[in-house]
């Protein structure tokens, strides 16, 4: 009897689940690292007796290392199959997490270099693996992948907040996160596709599609502004609440959970928003909503109001990057769409990379409130990018 669409003997759904679940878990553990960090950085910074300028220098080390890894190291590792490069990326961040918590003060520069190494490799290779699976399965794998990053932020902040509420050693949070990264690294090593490495890894570093099709700079800059906001929230929002507004660890964790949870839900329903409003309109509305909520968070002195603003910010901005990535399909030639998506992703991820040191400098020169005001400026960039986007169908 021929196998039909509903035949339970069809191995395709089973194979798809076997490949996607460890990738989603890996990106979840990646997001969880930053969820833990954004809450526990307050205790960590004081335990290490590190000033805000010193923290800014640490973030600069992460940024420089991550950029160097994405541009120079990752292309040279393209000969490795994904079943090696993906778990190695997660394992490198696991080592960095342990180093952040337990390495002596003199080794902190090395610890932050390791964080940059892990971030750069994960941003490249888990997205490459997800992109290949998306092409084969014709399902929104990348959208689900980034939703799981937001979910990781939720669980990480909850774990960190619970540890501080119980008055436990803050380093326990980093130990839990290191264990999660090791577990997901082992899972991906056992299950990620065994297909040989392909040229897609090389093209993920190339920016040439942006020069072949200059209109692609519009979605690239929208994604960069969006990720600048998200990167700023991952790093500075908890410190802003605890240091500037005097909130407790539990309150800061709840506020970040509101942001990350709303982003998670928003990413899951983003495709319906796009179909209902169109990509250009979605980007404009997402940027405007994020601008309003960011402005509220900066102007108020109430942690409760900030938490509500973070909730709105997470939900509204979650639709911006999926809509911008959708513009790539409209703007690029059919035979260059994979390369165009990779180029837009590369530019976009720089928003994650250089926003922490930028805000660190602003915090040093002015205040944490002034640093958080950068979020509002970035959201206006999303609105401007939406206005510049073509009117699609």
Foldseek 3Di string as FASTA:
>chain_A
DDADPPRPVPCVVVLLCLAQVLLLLLLLLVLLLLLQCLLCVVVLCVVLVHDLLRVLVLLLLLLVLLLCCQQPVQLVCLQDFLLPLQLVLLLLCLVLLLCSLDPPSVCSSVSSSSNSSSVNSNLQRSVLLQVVSCVVVVDPSVLSSVLSSLVSSLVNLVVQLVCVVVVHDSSVSSVVSSVSSNVSSVSSNVRHDPDGRDCLSVLLNDQVQCVVQVLLVLLLLLLQLLLLLVLCLSHQQNVCCCPVLVDDSNLSSLLSSLLSVLLSVLSVCLVVVCVVQNLLVLLLQLLVQLLVLLVQLLPDSDSVSVSVSSNSNNNSSSNLNVSSLVLLVVRGDPVCSSSSSSNSSSSSCSSNRPSSSVLSVVCVVPRNSSSSCVSSVSSVSSNVSSVVRDDDD
